[in-house]
Amino acid sequence: MSLKITKFGGSSVAQASQFKKVRDIIQADPDRRYVVVSAPGKRFSNDSKITDLLYLLDAHRTYHVDGSNVFRLIKERFLEIKEELDLKQPIEKELDQLYTNLSSYSQNELVSRGEYFCAKLMAEYLGFPFVDAADVIRLNLDKSIDWEATRARLQAKMNEYEHFVFPGFYGTSANNKIQVFSRGGGDITGSILANAMGADVYENWTDVSGFLMADPRIVPNPKEITHITYSELRELSYMGASVLHEEAIFPVKETNTPIHILNTNRPDDAGTIIQETSNVPRKYPITGIAGKPGFLSIYVYKKHMSNEIGYMRKVLSILERYNVSIEHIPSGIDSFSIVVSSAEVGDCLYEILHRIKKEVAPDELKITDHIALISTVGKAMSHVPGMAGRLFDALGRERISINMIAQDSNEINITIGVDEKDLEKTIRIIYDEFVTD
């Protein structure tokens, strides 16, 4: 028998009808023995996620505003699930105690209760034991995973229970306090369990059937990505193609454990398998395309710059002082451009330019704004001659002006900068060039 860790996201546990789908999925495969759940998400477009309501409750508490209406919404959501599924779990008492003792909860502990209560209800519904993440996942002072302690605790739980339900999103810090991960951290929890428990597969159930080769709002009916490597996923996720929390990759990457993205609402769909090494042949030379607007480029020119040691470093150190992250640095002999997020430089852009002029005295300094970055990603690209040429030729035929070009050293990603108004057109051109039947 193989072992599958199954994690269900907020949309998969948003209401009682979704709980029923989860039970059908678990019962359909005996390998699905350990279940991780998020807090209930939105039931409809204008609905609120439980975690958002818990953060709102914390804000009411912080600013000494009556939060009873927010708490009522939270309580009603959980009781609605309980009553519709005819569960016996006495969560009313715990919920009321939470609100009565609200001042004694840290923010981390408070916002983790969405997963906690959801896991308790799911455990009863599936007939599985409930195991609290606070008793198992241990974090170091720097918030990294204490793998030795976490593995030992998980192995003990595996020896004790053949099945269990486990809340995502949190663990216990080195000082024995509840510590949550960043938003979407339930994905990370599932990945931790997959690593520490030696899982054969980590199934991540959500409300989409895996990844698509392009944004369907831009490219009509894009092809599905059936297989993708961790490296490719990182590149696409950075540009906004997000289905999985990107930090969830790291615990399973070292063991090459496959992550299988699946759709709770369409469980028979193939989904997307994420795995660094795979013998599955690729139909297309690219894996996917993703892009986002909101960048600008700072162009710096200095005669004989190549003879001046440390010139680029001095410029970059100025941006570091303002806590600005660098996206790309295309360079020439006597010039270079620094591509940054427009939002990150914000009101300090002209102060940064003033510092550059004062401290390194460039011969030319200019800004190009309203840039969109587009990444064409594919591990197979490095084995196909002329990929970059085809891409640039296709854009040239459609008179798309390219502001910036960058290619990573592994040749799995070609990133270009174009005017924001050309973002969607550029993605469609690249897709049509490389994705043909």
Protein backbone atom coordinates (compact mmCIF):
# COMPACT_ATOMS: atom_id res chain seq x y z
CA MET A 1 0.00 0.00 0.00
CA SER A 2 1.30 3.45 -0.92
CA LEU A 3 0.82 6.55 1.20
CA LYS A 4 -0.89 9.74 0.05
CA ILE A 5 -1.08 12.95 2.03
CA THR A 6 -4.26 14.77 1.01
CA LYS A 7 -4.67 18.47 1.65
CA PHE A 8 -7.97 20.28 1.03
CA GLY A 9 -7.98 24.04 0.53
CA GLY A 10 -10.50 26.58 1.78
CA SER A 11 -12.87 26.24 -1.17
CA SER A 12 -12.92 22.47 -0.64
CA VAL A 13 -14.21 22.84 2.94
CA ALA A 14 -16.26 26.01 2.57
CA GLN A 15 -19.58 24.40 3.48
CA ALA A 16 -21.28 21.09 4.27
CA SER A 17 -21.77 20.14 0.60
CA GLN A 18 -18.00 20.42 0.12
CA PHE A 19 -17.36 18.22 3.17
CA LYS A 20 -19.40 15.53 1.43
CA LYS A 21 -17.18 15.76 -1.65
CA VAL A 22 -14.09 15.44 0.55
CA ARG A 23 -15.50 12.29 2.16
CA ASP A 24 -16.24 10.76 -1.27
CA ILE A 25 -12.66 11.49 -2.36
CA ILE A 26 -11.14 9.97 0.80
CA GLN A 27 -13.33 6.88 0.62
CA ALA A 28 -12.49 6.35 -3.06
CA ASP A 29 -8.83 5.54 -2.29
CA PRO A 30 -7.59 3.66 0.82
CA ASP A 31 -4.13 5.21 0.34
CA ARG A 32 -5.58 8.57 1.41
CA ARG A 33 -5.06 8.04 5.11
CA TYR A 34 -3.85 11.40 6.41
CA VAL A 35 -5.87 14.53 5.69
CA VAL A 36 -4.88 18.20 6.06
CA VAL A 37 -7.55 20.91 5.93
CA SER A 38 -7.58 24.67 5.59
CA ALA A 39 -10.11 27.00 7.21
CA PRO A 40 -13.43 27.29 5.34
CA GLY A 41 -13.14 29.62 2.37
CA LYS A 42 -15.70 31.53 0.36
CA ARG A 43 -19.00 29.85 -0.52
CA PHE A 44 -19.79 32.47 -3.16
CA SER A 45 -18.07 35.53 -4.66
CA ASN A 46 -19.16 38.08 -2.03
CA ASP A 47 -18.64 35.73 0.90
CA SER A 48 -15.84 36.01 3.47
CA LYS A 49 -13.13 33.49 4.25
CA ILE A 50 -13.06 32.39 7.88
CA THR A 51 -9.39 33.40 8.17
CA ASP A 52 -10.23 36.92 6.95
CA LEU A 53 -12.97 37.15 9.57
CA LEU A 54 -10.54 36.03 12.27
CA TYR A 55 -8.04 38.70 11.24
CA LEU A 56 -10.91 41.20 11.31
CA LEU A 57 -11.89 40.03 14.80
CA ASP A 58 -8.28 40.54 15.88
CA ALA A 59 -8.35 44.09 14.50
CA HIS A 60 -11.56 44.85 16.42
CA ARG A 61 -9.91 43.56 19.58
CA THR A 62 -6.73 45.57 18.97
CA TYR A 63 -8.62 48.84 18.50
CA HIS A 64 -11.12 48.12 21.30
CA VAL A 65 -14.10 47.92 18.93
CA ASP A 66 -17.03 45.59 19.59
CA GLY A 67 -16.37 42.44 17.56
CA SER A 68 -19.52 40.53 18.46
CA ASN A 69 -20.99 40.76 14.97
CA VAL A 70 -17.78 39.39 13.42
CA PHE A 71 -17.66 36.57 15.95
CA ARG A 72 -21.30 35.76 15.24
CA LEU A 73 -20.50 35.30 11.53
CA ILE A 74 -17.61 32.97 12.38
CA LYS A 75 -19.68 30.91 14.80
CA GLU A 76 -22.63 30.66 12.41
CA ARG A 77 -20.41 29.33 9.63
CA PHE A 78 -19.09 26.48 11.76
CA LEU A 79 -22.46 25.66 13.30
CA GLU A 80 -24.07 25.60 9.87
CA ILE A 81 -21.61 22.90 8.77
CA LYS A 82 -22.06 20.97 12.02
CA GLU A 83 -25.83 21.02 11.92
CA GLU A 84 -26.19 20.19 8.24
CA LEU A 85 -23.90 17.17 8.66
CA ASP A 86 -25.53 16.19 11.98
CA LEU A 87 -22.21 16.20 13.84
CA LYS A 88 -21.86 15.95 17.62
CA GLN A 89 -18.54 17.81 18.08
CA PRO A 90 -19.22 20.32 20.94
CA ILE A 91 -17.51 23.25 19.23
CA GLU A 92 -20.05 25.80 20.53
CA LYS A 93 -18.45 25.67 23.94
CA GLU A 94 -14.92 26.14 22.58
CA LEU A 95 -16.05 28.95 20.29
CA ASP A 96 -17.76 30.78 23.14
CA GLN A 97 -14.70 30.32 25.34
CA LEU A 98 -12.55 31.78 22.57
CA TYR A 99 -14.64 34.95 22.44
CA THR A 100 -14.95 35.22 26.24
CA ASN A 101 -11.15 34.95 26.61
CA LEU A 102 -10.28 36.84 23.43
CA SER A 103 -7.76 39.10 25.13
CA SER A 104 -5.63 36.10 26.14
CA TYR A 105 -5.12 34.90 22.55
CA SER A 106 -2.18 36.00 20.46
CA GLN A 107 -2.95 36.99 16.87
CA ASN A 108 -1.26 33.81 15.65
CA GLU A 109 -3.37 31.59 17.89
CA LEU A 110 -6.58 33.42 17.07
CA VAL A 111 -6.26 33.24 13.28
CA SER A 112 -5.22 29.56 13.47
CA ARG A 113 -8.61 28.63 14.92
CA GLY A 114 -10.20 28.47 11.48
CA GLU A 115 -8.16 25.40 10.62
CA TYR A 116 -8.46 24.03 14.14
CA PHE A 117 -12.27 23.99 14.23
CA CYS A 118 -12.56 22.85 10.61
CA ALA A 119 -10.25 19.89 11.29
CA LYS A 120 -12.28 18.91 14.35
CA LEU A 121 -15.50 18.83 12.33
CA MET A 122 -13.85 17.01 9.43
CA ALA A 123 -12.34 14.41 11.76
CA GLU A 124 -15.75 13.50 13.16
CA TYR A 125 -17.32 13.49 9.69
CA LEU A 126 -14.68 11.11 8.30
CA GLY A 127 -14.54 9.03 11.47
CA PHE A 128 -10.81 9.78 11.85
CA PRO A 129 -8.88 10.94 14.95
CA PHE A 130 -8.06 14.65 15.21
CA VAL A 131 -4.37 15.46 15.62
CA ASP A 132 -3.50 19.07 16.47
CA ALA A 133 -0.66 20.63 14.46
CA ALA A 134 0.39 22.46 17.62
CA ASP A 135 1.40 19.11 19.12
CA VAL A 136 3.40 18.00 16.09
CA ILE A 137 4.94 20.71 13.91
CA ARG A 138 7.84 22.38 15.70
CA LEU A 139 9.47 25.58 14.48
CA ASN A 140 12.86 27.02 15.29
CA LEU A 141 13.36 30.59 16.49
CA ASP A 142 13.86 31.73 12.89
CA LYS A 143 10.50 30.10 11.96
CA SER A 144 12.19 27.33 9.96
CA ILE A 145 10.99 23.77 10.51
CA ASP A 146 12.62 21.79 13.30
CA TRP A 147 12.70 18.65 11.17
CA GLU A 148 14.11 16.31 13.82
CA ALA A 149 11.38 17.11 16.35
CA THR A 150 8.61 17.26 13.74
CA ARG A 151 9.56 13.90 12.17
CA ALA A 152 9.72 12.23 15.56
CA ARG A 153 6.26 13.48 16.50
CA LEU A 154 4.74 12.51 13.17
CA GLN A 155 6.22 9.04 13.29
CA ALA A 156 4.71 8.60 16.74
CA LYS A 157 1.29 9.67 15.42
CA MET A 158 1.61 7.27 12.46
CA ASN A 159 2.37 4.45 14.89
CA GLU A 160 -0.65 5.42 16.98
CA TYR A 161 -3.18 6.12 14.21
CA GLU A 162 -3.83 4.55 10.82
CA HIS A 163 -5.71 7.71 9.82
CA PHE A 164 -6.05 11.25 11.12
CA VAL A 165 -7.20 14.76 10.22
CA PHE A 166 -4.70 17.55 10.72
CA PRO A 167 -5.19 21.36 10.64
CA GLY A 168 -2.97 23.29 8.24
CA PHE A 169 -1.41 26.74 8.52
CA TYR A 170 0.26 26.55 11.95
CA GLY A 171 2.67 24.84 14.31
CA THR A 172 4.38 25.61 17.61
CA SER A 173 7.36 27.92 17.95
CA ALA A 174 10.52 27.25 19.94
CA ASN A 175 8.98 29.17 22.88
CA ASN A 176 5.85 26.96 22.80
CA LYS A 177 3.57 29.56 21.20
CA ILE A 178 1.28 29.01 18.23
CA GLN A 179 3.00 30.23 15.06
CA VAL A 180 1.18 30.52 11.73
CA PHE A 181 2.71 30.32 8.27
CA SER A 182 2.07 32.99 5.64
CA ARG A 183 -1.37 33.04 4.02
CA GLY A 184 -2.02 29.87 2.08
CA GLY A 185 0.25 28.06 4.51
CA GLY A 186 -1.95 24.98 4.63
CA ASP A 187 -0.14 23.94 1.45
CA ILE A 188 3.12 24.09 3.41
CA THR A 189 1.67 21.89 6.16
CA GLY A 190 0.74 19.20 3.65
CA SER A 191 4.23 19.36 2.19
CA ILE A 192 5.82 19.01 5.63
CA LEU A 193 3.75 15.90 6.34
CA ALA A 194 4.60 14.42 2.93
CA ASN A 195 8.31 14.84 3.63
CA ALA A 196 8.34 13.72 7.26
CA MET A 197 6.01 10.76 6.75
CA GLY A 198 7.71 9.48 3.59
CA ALA A 199 4.60 9.89 1.42
CA ASP A 200 4.53 8.52 -2.12
CA VAL A 201 2.32 11.40 -3.30
CA TYR A 202 1.16 14.73 -1.89
CA GLU A 203 -2.33 15.46 -3.23
CA ASN A 204 -3.38 19.10 -3.05
CA TRP A 205 -7.12 19.45 -3.64
CA THR A 206 -8.42 22.85 -4.64
CA ASP A 207 -11.04 24.42 -6.93
CA VAL A 208 -9.08 24.23 -10.21
CA SER A 209 -7.93 21.22 -12.21
CA GLY A 210 -4.24 22.03 -12.01
CA PHE A 211 -2.19 24.57 -13.94
CA LEU A 212 -2.89 25.95 -17.40
CA MET A 213 -0.27 26.99 -19.94
CA ALA A 214 -1.55 30.56 -19.87
CA ASP A 215 -4.11 32.72 -18.10
CA PRO A 216 -7.54 31.76 -19.52
CA ARG A 217 -8.60 35.40 -19.21
CA ILE A 218 -5.96 36.19 -21.84
CA VAL A 219 -5.68 33.03 -23.96
CA PRO A 220 -9.00 31.30 -24.77
CA ASN A 221 -9.06 27.67 -23.63
CA PRO A 222 -5.33 27.25 -22.93
CA LYS A 223 -3.91 23.74 -22.75
CA GLU A 224 -3.56 22.06 -19.37
CA ILE A 225 -0.14 21.44 -17.88
CA THR A 226 -0.13 17.75 -17.00
CA HIS A 227 3.46 17.66 -15.67
CA ILE A 228 5.70 20.45 -14.42
CA THR A 229 8.98 20.57 -12.49
CA TYR A 230 9.44 22.40 -9.20
CA SER A 231 11.82 24.81 -10.96
CA GLU A 232 9.32 25.61 -13.70
CA LEU A 233 6.58 26.10 -11.15
CA ARG A 234 8.70 28.58 -9.19
CA GLU A 235 9.28 30.64 -12.33
CA LEU A 236 5.59 30.71 -13.30
CA SER A 237 4.35 31.29 -9.74
CA TYR A 238 6.63 34.30 -9.36
CA MET A 239 4.87 35.87 -12.33
CA GLY A 240 1.46 35.26 -10.82
CA ALA A 241 0.45 31.78 -12.05
CA SER A 242 -0.41 30.70 -8.54
CA VAL A 243 -2.37 27.60 -7.55
CA LEU A 244 0.02 26.36 -4.86
CA HIS A 245 1.86 28.31 -2.14
CA GLU A 246 5.39 28.49 -3.53
CA GLU A 247 6.98 27.68 -0.15
CA ALA A 248 5.20 24.31 -0.27
CA ILE A 249 7.66 23.16 -2.90
CA PHE A 250 10.75 23.03 -0.72
CA PRO A 251 9.90 20.26 1.79
CA VAL A 252 9.04 17.81 -1.01
CA LYS A 253 11.66 18.90 -3.54
CA GLU A 254 14.51 17.29 -1.60
CA THR A 255 12.71 13.93 -1.67
CA ASN A 256 11.32 14.41 -5.21
CA THR A 257 7.87 13.59 -3.86
CA PRO A 258 5.23 14.35 -6.51
CA ILE A 259 2.65 17.04 -5.74
CA HIS A 260 -0.62 16.28 -7.51
CA ILE A 261 -2.91 19.30 -7.95
CA LEU A 262 -6.53 18.11 -8.17
CA ASN A 263 -10.03 19.61 -8.28
CA THR A 264 -12.40 18.74 -5.43
CA ASN A 265 -15.36 19.68 -7.63
CA ARG A 266 -14.13 17.58 -10.57
CA PRO A 267 -12.21 14.72 -8.96
CA ASP A 268 -11.90 12.70 -12.16
CA ASP A 269 -9.88 15.42 -13.94
CA ALA A 270 -6.22 14.50 -14.49
CA GLY A 271 -4.83 17.57 -12.72
CA THR A 272 -1.17 18.59 -12.71
CA ILE A 273 1.74 16.57 -11.32
CA ILE A 274 4.68 18.58 -9.97
CA GLN A 275 7.96 16.65 -9.81
CA GLU A 276 11.53 17.65 -10.54
CA THR A 277 12.55 14.50 -12.38
CA SER A 278 10.11 12.74 -14.67
CA ASN A 279 10.33 10.61 -17.79
CA VAL A 280 7.04 11.90 -19.16
CA PRO A 281 7.64 13.34 -22.68
CA ARG A 282 6.67 16.97 -23.29
CA LYS A 283 4.33 17.70 -26.18
CA TYR A 284 5.34 21.35 -26.48
CA PRO A 285 8.75 23.06 -26.17
CA ILE A 286 7.39 25.39 -23.49
CA THR A 287 5.59 24.54 -20.27
CA GLY A 288 3.77 27.80 -19.67
CA ILE A 289 3.65 31.58 -20.00
CA ALA A 290 2.90 34.09 -17.24
CA GLY A 291 3.24 37.83 -16.95
CA LYS A 292 2.35 40.79 -14.80
CA PRO A 293 2.47 44.60 -15.07
CA GLY A 294 3.80 47.13 -12.59
CA PHE A 295 7.54 47.45 -13.24
CA LEU A 296 9.96 50.20 -14.20
CA SER A 297 13.54 50.29 -15.38
CA ILE A 298 16.31 52.60 -14.15
CA TYR A 299 18.88 52.99 -16.96
CA VAL A 300 22.42 53.96 -15.90
CA TYR A 301 25.15 54.91 -18.42
CA LYS A 302 28.73 55.78 -17.51
CA LYS A 303 31.59 56.18 -20.00
CA HIS A 304 34.30 53.59 -19.38
CA MET A 305 32.19 52.05 -16.63
CA SER A 306 33.84 48.68 -17.23
CA ASN A 307 37.12 50.15 -15.99
CA GLU A 308 35.62 51.42 -12.75
CA ILE A 309 35.59 48.58 -10.22
CA GLY A 310 32.48 48.39 -8.03
CA TYR A 311 30.39 50.91 -9.98
CA MET A 312 27.32 48.67 -10.30
CA ARG A 313 27.63 47.58 -6.68
CA LYS A 314 27.52 51.21 -5.53
CA VAL A 315 24.29 51.80 -7.46
CA LEU A 316 22.70 48.61 -6.15
CA SER A 317 23.66 49.49 -2.58
CA ILE A 318 21.59 52.68 -2.90
CA LEU A 319 18.48 50.64 -3.71
CA GLU A 320 19.31 48.27 -0.88
CA ARG A 321 19.21 51.20 1.55
CA TYR A 322 15.62 51.80 0.47
CA ASN A 323 14.71 48.08 0.80
CA VAL A 324 14.01 47.77 -2.92
CA SER A 325 14.21 44.27 -4.43
CA ILE A 326 15.85 43.88 -7.82
CA GLU A 327 13.97 41.90 -10.48
CA HIS A 328 16.51 41.89 -13.33
CA ILE A 329 19.74 43.67 -14.32
CA PRO A 330 20.31 43.59 -18.11
CA SER A 331 23.76 45.04 -18.77
CA GLY A 332 26.18 46.20 -21.43
CA ILE A 333 29.83 47.33 -21.39
CA ASP A 334 29.17 50.85 -20.14
CA SER A 335 25.53 50.67 -19.09
CA PHE A 336 23.00 48.60 -17.22
CA SER A 337 19.32 48.73 -16.34
CA ILE A 338 17.75 47.88 -13.02
CA VAL A 339 14.22 46.52 -13.25
CA VAL A 340 12.19 46.97 -10.07
CA SER A 341 8.58 46.90 -8.95
CA SER A 342 6.99 50.32 -9.36
CA ALA A 343 5.12 49.85 -6.09
CA GLU A 344 8.36 49.13 -4.20
CA VAL A 345 10.05 52.38 -5.20
CA GLY A 346 6.81 54.33 -4.70
CA ASP A 347 7.42 57.79 -3.32
CA CYS A 348 11.17 57.29 -2.94
CA LEU A 349 11.99 56.94 -6.67
CA TYR A 350 13.22 60.51 -7.15
CA GLU A 351 15.17 60.38 -3.92
CA ILE A 352 16.89 57.21 -5.21
CA LEU A 353 17.70 58.92 -8.52
CA HIS A 354 19.12 61.90 -6.64
CA ARG A 355 21.35 59.56 -4.60
CA ILE A 356 22.58 57.80 -7.73
CA LYS A 357 23.48 61.13 -9.39
CA LYS A 358 25.23 62.38 -6.26
CA GLU A 359 27.14 59.24 -5.33
CA VAL A 360 28.21 57.73 -8.67
CA ALA A 361 27.76 60.62 -11.16
CA PRO A 362 26.43 58.71 -14.20
CA ASP A 363 26.63 60.34 -17.63
CA GLU A 364 23.03 59.37 -18.31
CA LEU A 365 20.20 58.33 -16.01
CA LYS A 366 16.64 57.72 -17.20
CA ILE A 367 13.45 55.92 -16.25
CA THR A 368 11.24 53.71 -18.38
CA ASP A 369 7.99 52.95 -16.60
CA HIS A 370 4.77 51.06 -17.28
CA ILE A 371 6.70 47.86 -18.02
CA ALA A 372 5.14 44.40 -17.95
CA LEU A 373 7.37 41.36 -17.43
CA ILE A 374 6.50 38.13 -19.24
CA SER A 375 8.20 34.80 -18.58
CA THR A 376 8.19 31.97 -21.09
CA VAL A 377 9.10 28.85 -19.11
CA GLY A 378 10.04 25.35 -20.15
CA LYS A 379 12.68 22.83 -19.17
CA ALA A 380 12.60 21.46 -22.71
CA MET A 381 13.63 24.84 -24.19
CA SER A 382 17.31 24.22 -23.55
CA HIS A 383 17.17 21.17 -25.86
CA VAL A 384 15.42 22.97 -28.73
CA PRO A 385 17.71 25.15 -30.90
CA GLY A 386 16.45 28.58 -31.87
CA MET A 387 13.81 29.04 -29.16
CA ALA A 388 14.79 32.63 -28.36
CA GLY A 389 15.00 33.45 -32.05
CA ARG A 390 11.50 32.12 -32.68
CA LEU A 391 10.12 34.09 -29.76
CA PHE A 392 11.68 37.38 -30.84
CA ASP A 393 10.79 36.80 -34.49
CA ALA A 394 7.13 36.17 -33.59
CA LEU A 395 6.98 39.37 -31.55
CA GLY A 396 8.81 41.33 -34.26
CA ARG A 397 6.25 40.29 -36.88
CA GLU A 398 3.53 41.74 -34.66
CA ARG A 399 5.58 44.91 -34.00
CA ILE A 400 5.93 44.35 -30.25
CA SER A 401 8.75 46.48 -28.84
CA ILE A 402 10.89 44.67 -26.24
CA ASN A 403 12.35 46.82 -23.44
CA MET A 404 14.34 44.12 -21.67
CA ILE A 405 15.56 40.56 -22.19
CA ALA A 406 16.82 38.15 -19.52
CA GLN A 407 17.46 34.41 -19.65
CA ASP A 408 18.34 32.28 -16.66
CA SER A 409 21.53 30.21 -16.63
CA ASN A 410 19.60 26.92 -16.79
CA GLU A 411 17.83 28.12 -19.94
CA ILE A 412 14.37 27.21 -18.64
CA ASN A 413 13.10 30.78 -18.63
CA ILE A 414 13.16 33.68 -21.08
CA THR A 415 11.84 36.88 -19.49
CA ILE A 416 11.10 39.95 -21.55
CA GLY A 417 9.85 43.42 -20.70
CA VAL A 418 7.20 45.10 -22.87
CA ASP A 419 4.92 48.08 -22.53
CA GLU A 420 2.03 47.30 -20.19
CA LYS A 421 -0.49 47.92 -22.95
CA ASP A 422 1.09 45.04 -24.91
CA LEU A 423 1.00 42.51 -22.05
CA GLU A 424 -1.98 40.42 -23.13
CA LYS A 425 -1.18 40.61 -26.84
CA THR A 426 2.38 39.46 -26.20
CA ILE A 427 1.24 36.44 -24.18
CA ARG A 428 -1.17 35.43 -26.95
CA ILE A 429 1.54 35.76 -29.61
CA ILE A 430 4.01 33.59 -27.68
CA TYR A 431 1.34 31.00 -26.92
CA ASP A 432 0.28 30.75 -30.56
CA GLU A 433 3.91 30.43 -31.66
CA PHE A 434 4.81 27.48 -29.46
CA VAL A 435 1.55 25.73 -28.60
CA THR A 436 0.36 24.18 -31.84
CA ASP A 437 -1.22 20.83 -32.56
